[in-house]
Amino acid sequence: MSWNQFNRTKKLRVLVYTGILAALSFVLMRFTEFPIFASFPFLKTDLGDIPILLGAIQLGPLYAVAIVFIKNLLFLASGGSEGGVLGIFVNFIAVSTFGLIVGLITMKRKNLPTILFGLFAGLAAMALVMIPVNLWAVPLFSPNFAKPEMKHELYDYILKVNLPFNIAKGAIDSAIIIPLWLALRKRKVL
């Protein structure tokens, strides 16, 4: 096999793997949505981030973002988003941030300490990035928060509800990806 054929085969494998992870991510997002806080049932998470994080670790940060993009397009096209285009956009920012940081940190080393650090850093980055994103998006979802006299309530909501939601979402994803990655590595799938 020539070097060019080897490179084409490798690129094709990565492309197929990316597509499989995006499709799996979409199916998991579509059919495993659940609320984290009973008092805020519209704030839902799902298991669709798991294939994205796996892609971030194995393929790198840009592939993670591509998987998120494909998954969100499929989710929007399927009519699964209660939040519409805005909800998909907010999800894209959150999950892309998480995957991007995990992928950047694990690019060179794919061992458990590096992955744990990547997941922690990705979770922290996602939670911090989502504060200004939610300050912008929440008033669009709920126009009552757009009123000047509601500014204090908006800040309270972001810090007491959205921030813990994003931390819990990232923690659930991280708690699942670690044993999954270890099992796949042990079986030499990765």
C-alpha atoms as a PDB file:
ATOM      1  CA  MET A   1       0.000   0.000   0.000  1.00  0.00           C
ATOM      2  CA  SER A   2       1.401   3.376  -0.964  1.00  0.00           C
ATOM      3  CA  TRP A   3       1.635   6.335   1.404  1.00  0.00           C
ATOM      4  CA  ASN A   4      -1.177   8.175  -0.441  1.00  0.00           C
ATOM      5  CA  GLN A   5      -3.478   5.159  -0.201  1.00  0.00           C
ATOM      6  CA  PHE A   6      -2.668   4.841   3.504  1.00  0.00           C
ATOM      7  CA  ASN A   7      -3.501   8.514   4.090  1.00  0.00           C
ATOM      8  CA  ARG A   8      -6.764   8.249   2.134  1.00  0.00           C
ATOM      9  CA  THR A   9      -7.751   5.135   4.068  1.00  0.00           C
ATOM     10  CA  LYS A  10      -6.959   6.823   7.377  1.00  0.00           C
ATOM     11  CA  LYS A  11      -8.915   9.957   6.416  1.00  0.00           C
ATOM     12  CA  LEU A  12     -11.868   7.832   5.326  1.00  0.00           C
ATOM     13  CA  ARG A  13     -11.787   5.913   8.615  1.00  0.00           C
ATOM     14  CA  VAL A  14     -11.789   9.171  10.604  1.00  0.00           C
ATOM     15  CA  LEU A  15     -14.637  10.546   8.491  1.00  0.00           C
ATOM     16  CA  VAL A  16     -16.716   7.382   8.971  1.00  0.00           C
ATOM     17  CA  TYR A  17     -15.964   7.366  12.706  1.00  0.00           C
ATOM     18  CA  THR A  18     -17.039  11.021  12.915  1.00  0.00           C
ATOM     19  CA  GLY A  19     -20.291  10.244  11.115  1.00  0.00           C
ATOM     20  CA  ILE A  20     -21.030   7.261  13.347  1.00  0.00           C
ATOM     21  CA  LEU A  21     -20.380   9.320  16.490  1.00  0.00           C
ATOM     22  CA  ALA A  22     -22.582  12.167  15.196  1.00  0.00           C
ATOM     23  CA  ALA A  23     -25.435   9.756  14.376  1.00  0.00           C
ATOM     24  CA  LEU A  24     -25.110   8.046  17.762  1.00  0.00           C
ATOM     25  CA  SER A  25     -25.005  11.417  19.475  1.00  0.00           C
ATOM     26  CA  PHE A  26     -28.186  12.496  17.675  1.00  0.00           C
ATOM     27  CA  VAL A  27     -30.041   9.281  18.612  1.00  0.00           C
ATOM     28  CA  LEU A  28     -28.973   9.602  22.247  1.00  0.00           C
ATOM     29  CA  MET A  29     -29.942  13.286  22.339  1.00  0.00           C
ATOM     30  CA  ARG A  30     -33.311  12.563  20.739  1.00  0.00           C
ATOM     31  CA  PHE A  31     -34.296   9.645  22.961  1.00  0.00           C
ATOM     32  CA  THR A  32     -32.571  10.109  26.333  1.00  0.00           C
ATOM     33  CA  GLU A  33     -33.556  13.659  27.303  1.00  0.00           C
ATOM     34  CA  PHE A  34     -34.366  14.079  30.980  1.00  0.00           C
ATOM     35  CA  PRO A  35     -34.611  17.030  33.389  1.00  0.00           C
ATOM     36  CA  ILE A  36     -31.953  17.305  36.102  1.00  0.00           C
ATOM     37  CA  PHE A  37     -33.983  19.535  38.433  1.00  0.00           C
ATOM     38  CA  ALA A  38     -37.646  18.640  38.958  1.00  0.00           C
ATOM     39  CA  SER A  39     -38.494  22.288  39.686  1.00  0.00           C
ATOM     40  CA  PHE A  40     -37.104  23.323  36.265  1.00  0.00           C
ATOM     41  CA  PRO A  41     -38.288  20.566  33.878  1.00  0.00           C
ATOM     42  CA  PHE A  42     -37.455  22.624  30.773  1.00  0.00           C
ATOM     43  CA  LEU A  43     -33.729  22.391  31.601  1.00  0.00           C
ATOM     44  CA  LYS A  44     -32.947  18.980  30.159  1.00  0.00           C
ATOM     45  CA  THR A  45     -29.823  17.017  29.581  1.00  0.00           C
ATOM     46  CA  ASP A  46     -29.253  13.885  27.545  1.00  0.00           C
ATOM     47  CA  LEU A  47     -26.597  11.291  26.842  1.00  0.00           C
ATOM     48  CA  GLY A  48     -25.823  12.732  23.402  1.00  0.00           C
ATOM     49  CA  ASP A  49     -22.652  14.401  24.682  1.00  0.00           C
ATOM     50  CA  ILE A  50     -20.989  11.037  25.374  1.00  0.00           C
ATOM     51  CA  PRO A  51     -20.078  10.274  21.719  1.00  0.00           C
ATOM     52  CA  ILE A  52     -18.900  13.876  21.334  1.00  0.00           C
ATOM     53  CA  LEU A  53     -16.510  13.562  24.260  1.00  0.00           C
ATOM     54  CA  LEU A  54     -15.315  10.211  22.945  1.00  0.00           C
ATOM     55  CA  GLY A  55     -14.666  11.893  19.585  1.00  0.00           C
ATOM     56  CA  ALA A  56     -12.876  14.764  21.327  1.00  0.00           C
ATOM     57  CA  ILE A  57     -10.539  12.346  23.075  1.00  0.00           C
ATOM     58  CA  GLN A  58      -9.901  10.049  20.114  1.00  0.00           C
ATOM     59  CA  LEU A  59     -10.075  12.416  17.129  1.00  0.00           C
ATOM     60  CA  GLY A  60      -9.367  15.868  18.515  1.00  0.00           C
ATOM     61  CA  PRO A  61     -11.085  19.183  19.208  1.00  0.00           C
ATOM     62  CA  LEU A  62     -12.200  20.106  15.688  1.00  0.00           C
ATOM     63  CA  TYR A  63     -13.857  16.738  15.156  1.00  0.00           C
ATOM     64  CA  ALA A  64     -15.696  17.188  18.463  1.00  0.00           C
ATOM     65  CA  VAL A  65     -17.100  20.499  17.225  1.00  0.00           C
ATOM     66  CA  ALA A  66     -18.026  18.903  13.875  1.00  0.00           C
ATOM     67  CA  ILE A  67     -19.863  16.089  15.687  1.00  0.00           C
ATOM     68  CA  VAL A  68     -21.792  18.640  17.783  1.00  0.00           C
ATOM     69  CA  PHE A  69     -22.699  20.596  14.651  1.00  0.00           C
ATOM     70  CA  ILE A  70     -23.975  17.523  12.768  1.00  0.00           C
ATOM     71  CA  LYS A  71     -25.858  16.250  15.821  1.00  0.00           C
ATOM     72  CA  ASN A  72     -27.574  19.604  16.341  1.00  0.00           C
ATOM     73  CA  LEU A  73     -28.530  19.917  12.668  1.00  0.00           C
ATOM     74  CA  LEU A  74     -30.089  16.443  12.781  1.00  0.00           C
ATOM     75  CA  PHE A  75     -31.855  17.268  16.051  1.00  0.00           C
ATOM     76  CA  LEU A  76     -33.261  20.509  14.667  1.00  0.00           C
ATOM     77  CA  ALA A  77     -34.360  18.812  11.424  1.00  0.00           C
ATOM     78  CA  SER A  78     -36.090  16.050  13.412  1.00  0.00           C
ATOM     79  CA  GLY A  79     -38.193  18.592  15.307  1.00  0.00           C
ATOM     80  CA  GLY A  80     -36.759  17.479  18.630  1.00  0.00           C
ATOM     81  CA  SER A  81     -35.845  20.890  19.976  1.00  0.00           C
ATOM     82  CA  GLU A  82     -38.406  22.536  22.226  1.00  0.00           C
ATOM     83  CA  GLY A  83     -36.146  25.603  22.292  1.00  0.00           C
ATOM     84  CA  GLY A  84     -35.995  25.861  18.508  1.00  0.00           C
ATOM     85  CA  VAL A  85     -33.006  27.355  16.744  1.00  0.00           C
ATOM     86  CA  LEU A  86     -32.029  29.363  19.839  1.00  0.00           C
ATOM     87  CA  GLY A  87     -31.988  26.236  22.005  1.00  0.00           C
ATOM     88  CA  ILE A  88     -29.873  24.400  19.437  1.00  0.00           C
ATOM     89  CA  PHE A  89     -27.472  27.342  19.220  1.00  0.00           C
ATOM     90  CA  VAL A  90     -27.078  27.505  23.012  1.00  0.00           C
ATOM     91  CA  ASN A  91     -26.524  23.736  23.127  1.00  0.00           C
ATOM     92  CA  PHE A  92     -23.948  24.028  20.350  1.00  0.00           C
ATOM     93  CA  ILE A  93     -21.968  26.635  22.307  1.00  0.00           C
ATOM     94  CA  ALA A  94     -22.098  24.622  25.545  1.00  0.00           C
ATOM     95  CA  VAL A  95     -21.194  21.214  24.152  1.00  0.00           C
ATOM     96  CA  SER A  96     -18.657  22.581  21.654  1.00  0.00           C
ATOM     97  CA  THR A  97     -16.852  24.383  24.461  1.00  0.00           C
ATOM     98  CA  PHE A  98     -16.763  21.195  26.532  1.00  0.00           C
ATOM     99  CA  GLY A  99     -15.582  19.040  23.601  1.00  0.00           C
ATOM    100  CA  LEU A 100     -13.093  21.618  22.348  1.00  0.00           C
ATOM    101  CA  ILE A 101     -11.313  21.881  25.704  1.00  0.00           C
ATOM    102  CA  VAL A 102     -11.321  18.105  26.266  1.00  0.00           C
ATOM    103  CA  GLY A 103      -9.957  17.571  22.754  1.00  0.00           C
ATOM    104  CA  LEU A 104      -7.238  20.205  23.121  1.00  0.00           C
ATOM    105  CA  ILE A 105      -6.015  18.781  26.422  1.00  0.00           C
ATOM    106  CA  THR A 106      -6.068  15.132  25.302  1.00  0.00           C
ATOM    107  CA  MET A 107      -4.552  15.686  21.841  1.00  0.00           C
ATOM    108  CA  LYS A 108      -1.051  14.555  22.798  1.00  0.00           C
ATOM    109  CA  ARG A 109      -1.696  12.190  25.707  1.00  0.00           C
ATOM    110  CA  LYS A 110      -4.599   9.815  26.047  1.00  0.00           C
ATOM    111  CA  ASN A 111      -4.145   8.473  29.551  1.00  0.00           C
ATOM    112  CA  LEU A 112      -6.531   8.560  32.496  1.00  0.00           C
ATOM    113  CA  PRO A 113      -4.988  11.527  34.377  1.00  0.00           C
ATOM    114  CA  THR A 114      -4.944  13.647  31.206  1.00  0.00           C
ATOM    115  CA  ILE A 115      -8.528  12.702  30.354  1.00  0.00           C
ATOM    116  CA  LEU A 116      -9.685  13.456  33.915  1.00  0.00           C
ATOM    117  CA  PHE A 117      -7.977  16.853  33.767  1.00  0.00           C
ATOM    118  CA  GLY A 118      -9.474  17.498  30.317  1.00  0.00           C
ATOM    119  CA  LEU A 119     -12.965  16.634  31.516  1.00  0.00           C
ATOM    120  CA  PHE A 120     -12.603  18.863  34.587  1.00  0.00           C
ATOM    121  CA  ALA A 121     -11.221  21.767  32.534  1.00  0.00           C
ATOM    122  CA  GLY A 122     -13.883  21.268  29.838  1.00  0.00           C
ATOM    123  CA  LEU A 123     -16.662  21.217  32.423  1.00  0.00           C
ATOM    124  CA  ALA A 124     -15.322  24.392  34.071  1.00  0.00           C
ATOM    125  CA  ALA A 125     -14.930  26.148  30.709  1.00  0.00           C
ATOM    126  CA  MET A 126     -18.444  25.181  29.636  1.00  0.00           C
ATOM    127  CA  ALA A 127     -19.953  26.385  32.933  1.00  0.00           C
ATOM    128  CA  LEU A 128     -18.108  29.727  32.706  1.00  0.00           C
ATOM    129  CA  VAL A 129     -18.846  30.315  29.008  1.00  0.00           C
ATOM    130  CA  MET A 130     -22.518  29.603  29.574  1.00  0.00           C
ATOM    131  CA  ILE A 131     -22.888  32.426  32.115  1.00  0.00           C
ATOM    132  CA  PRO A 132     -22.695  35.243  29.512  1.00  0.00           C
ATOM    133  CA  VAL A 133     -24.430  33.077  26.901  1.00  0.00           C
ATOM    134  CA  ASN A 134     -27.373  32.548  29.257  1.00  0.00           C
ATOM    135  CA  LEU A 135     -27.411  36.224  30.223  1.00  0.00           C
ATOM    136  CA  TRP A 136     -28.066  36.837  26.535  1.00  0.00           C
ATOM    137  CA  ALA A 137     -30.306  33.817  25.782  1.00  0.00           C
ATOM    138  CA  VAL A 138     -32.567  33.552  28.843  1.00  0.00           C
ATOM    139  CA  PRO A 139     -34.334  36.902  28.177  1.00  0.00           C
ATOM    140  CA  LEU A 140     -34.982  35.680  24.616  1.00  0.00           C
ATOM    141  CA  PHE A 141     -36.562  32.474  25.944  1.00  0.00           C
ATOM    142  CA  SER A 142     -38.444  34.283  28.707  1.00  0.00           C
ATOM    143  CA  PRO A 143     -39.158  37.945  27.860  1.00  0.00           C
ATOM    144  CA  ASN A 144     -40.024  38.730  31.504  1.00  0.00           C
ATOM    145  CA  PHE A 145     -36.307  38.588  32.257  1.00  0.00           C
ATOM    146  CA  ALA A 146     -35.700  41.288  29.619  1.00  0.00           C
ATOM    147  CA  LYS A 147     -37.384  43.927  31.781  1.00  0.00           C
ATOM    148  CA  PRO A 148     -34.894  46.231  33.545  1.00  0.00           C
ATOM    149  CA  GLU A 149     -36.510  45.617  36.944  1.00  0.00           C
ATOM    150  CA  MET A 150     -35.891  41.864  36.480  1.00  0.00           C
ATOM    151  CA  LYS A 151     -32.104  42.156  36.082  1.00  0.00           C
ATOM    152  CA  HIS A 152     -31.440  40.993  39.659  1.00  0.00           C
ATOM    153  CA  GLU A 153     -33.752  37.987  39.189  1.00  0.00           C
ATOM    154  CA  LEU A 154     -31.992  37.142  35.924  1.00  0.00           C
ATOM    155  CA  TYR A 155     -28.591  37.111  37.651  1.00  0.00           C
ATOM    156  CA  ASP A 156     -30.025  34.982  40.466  1.00  0.00           C
ATOM    157  CA  TYR A 157     -31.501  32.546  37.956  1.00  0.00           C
ATOM    158  CA  ILE A 158     -28.231  32.252  36.023  1.00  0.00           C
ATOM    159  CA  LEU A 159     -26.112  31.694  39.148  1.00  0.00           C
ATOM    160  CA  LYS A 160     -28.551  29.541  41.133  1.00  0.00           C
ATOM    161  CA  VAL A 161     -30.160  27.484  38.357  1.00  0.00           C
ATOM    162  CA  ASN A 162     -28.272  27.597  35.035  1.00  0.00           C
ATOM    163  CA  LEU A 163     -24.763  27.384  36.483  1.00  0.00           C
ATOM    164  CA  PRO A 164     -25.580  24.343  38.681  1.00  0.00           C
ATOM    165  CA  PHE A 165     -27.418  22.790  35.717  1.00  0.00           C
ATOM    166  CA  ASN A 166     -24.354  23.105  33.463  1.00  0.00           C
ATOM    167  CA  ILE A 167     -22.077  21.734  36.188  1.00  0.00           C
ATOM    168  CA  ALA A 168     -24.420  18.781  36.781  1.00  0.00           C
ATOM    169  CA  LYS A 169     -24.702  18.144  33.024  1.00  0.00           C
ATOM    170  CA  GLY A 170     -20.915  18.093  32.655  1.00  0.00           C
ATOM    171  CA  ALA A 171     -20.485  15.915  35.743  1.00  0.00           C
ATOM    172  CA  ILE A 172     -22.976  13.330  34.435  1.00  0.00           C
ATOM    173  CA  ASP A 173     -21.224  13.254  31.052  1.00  0.00           C
ATOM    174  CA  SER A 174     -17.812  12.918  32.712  1.00  0.00           C
ATOM    175  CA  ALA A 175     -18.975  10.162  35.062  1.00  0.00           C
ATOM    176  CA  ILE A 176     -20.172   8.134  32.076  1.00  0.00           C
ATOM    177  CA  ILE A 177     -17.296   8.772  29.668  1.00  0.00           C
ATOM    178  CA  ILE A 178     -14.551   7.641  32.064  1.00  0.00           C
ATOM    179  CA  PRO A 179     -15.665   3.994  32.519  1.00  0.00           C
ATOM    180  CA  LEU A 180     -16.765   3.859  28.868  1.00  0.00           C
ATOM    181  CA  TRP A 181     -13.351   5.036  27.635  1.00  0.00           C
ATOM    182  CA  LEU A 182     -11.583   2.592  29.976  1.00  0.00           C
ATOM    183  CA  ALA A 183     -13.759  -0.314  28.758  1.00  0.00           C
ATOM    184  CA  LEU A 184     -13.252   0.542  25.080  1.00  0.00           C
ATOM    185  CA  ARG A 185      -9.504   0.902  25.584  1.00  0.00           C
ATOM    186  CA  LYS A 186      -9.296  -2.413  27.469  1.00  0.00           C
ATOM    187  CA  ARG A 187     -11.060  -4.135  24.565  1.00  0.00           C
ATOM    188  CA  LYS A 188      -8.681  -2.398  22.125  1.00  0.00           C
ATOM    189  CA  VAL A 189     -11.582  -0.671  20.348  1.00  0.00           C
ATOM    190  CA  LEU A 190      -9.730   2.632  20.653  1.00  0.00           C
END
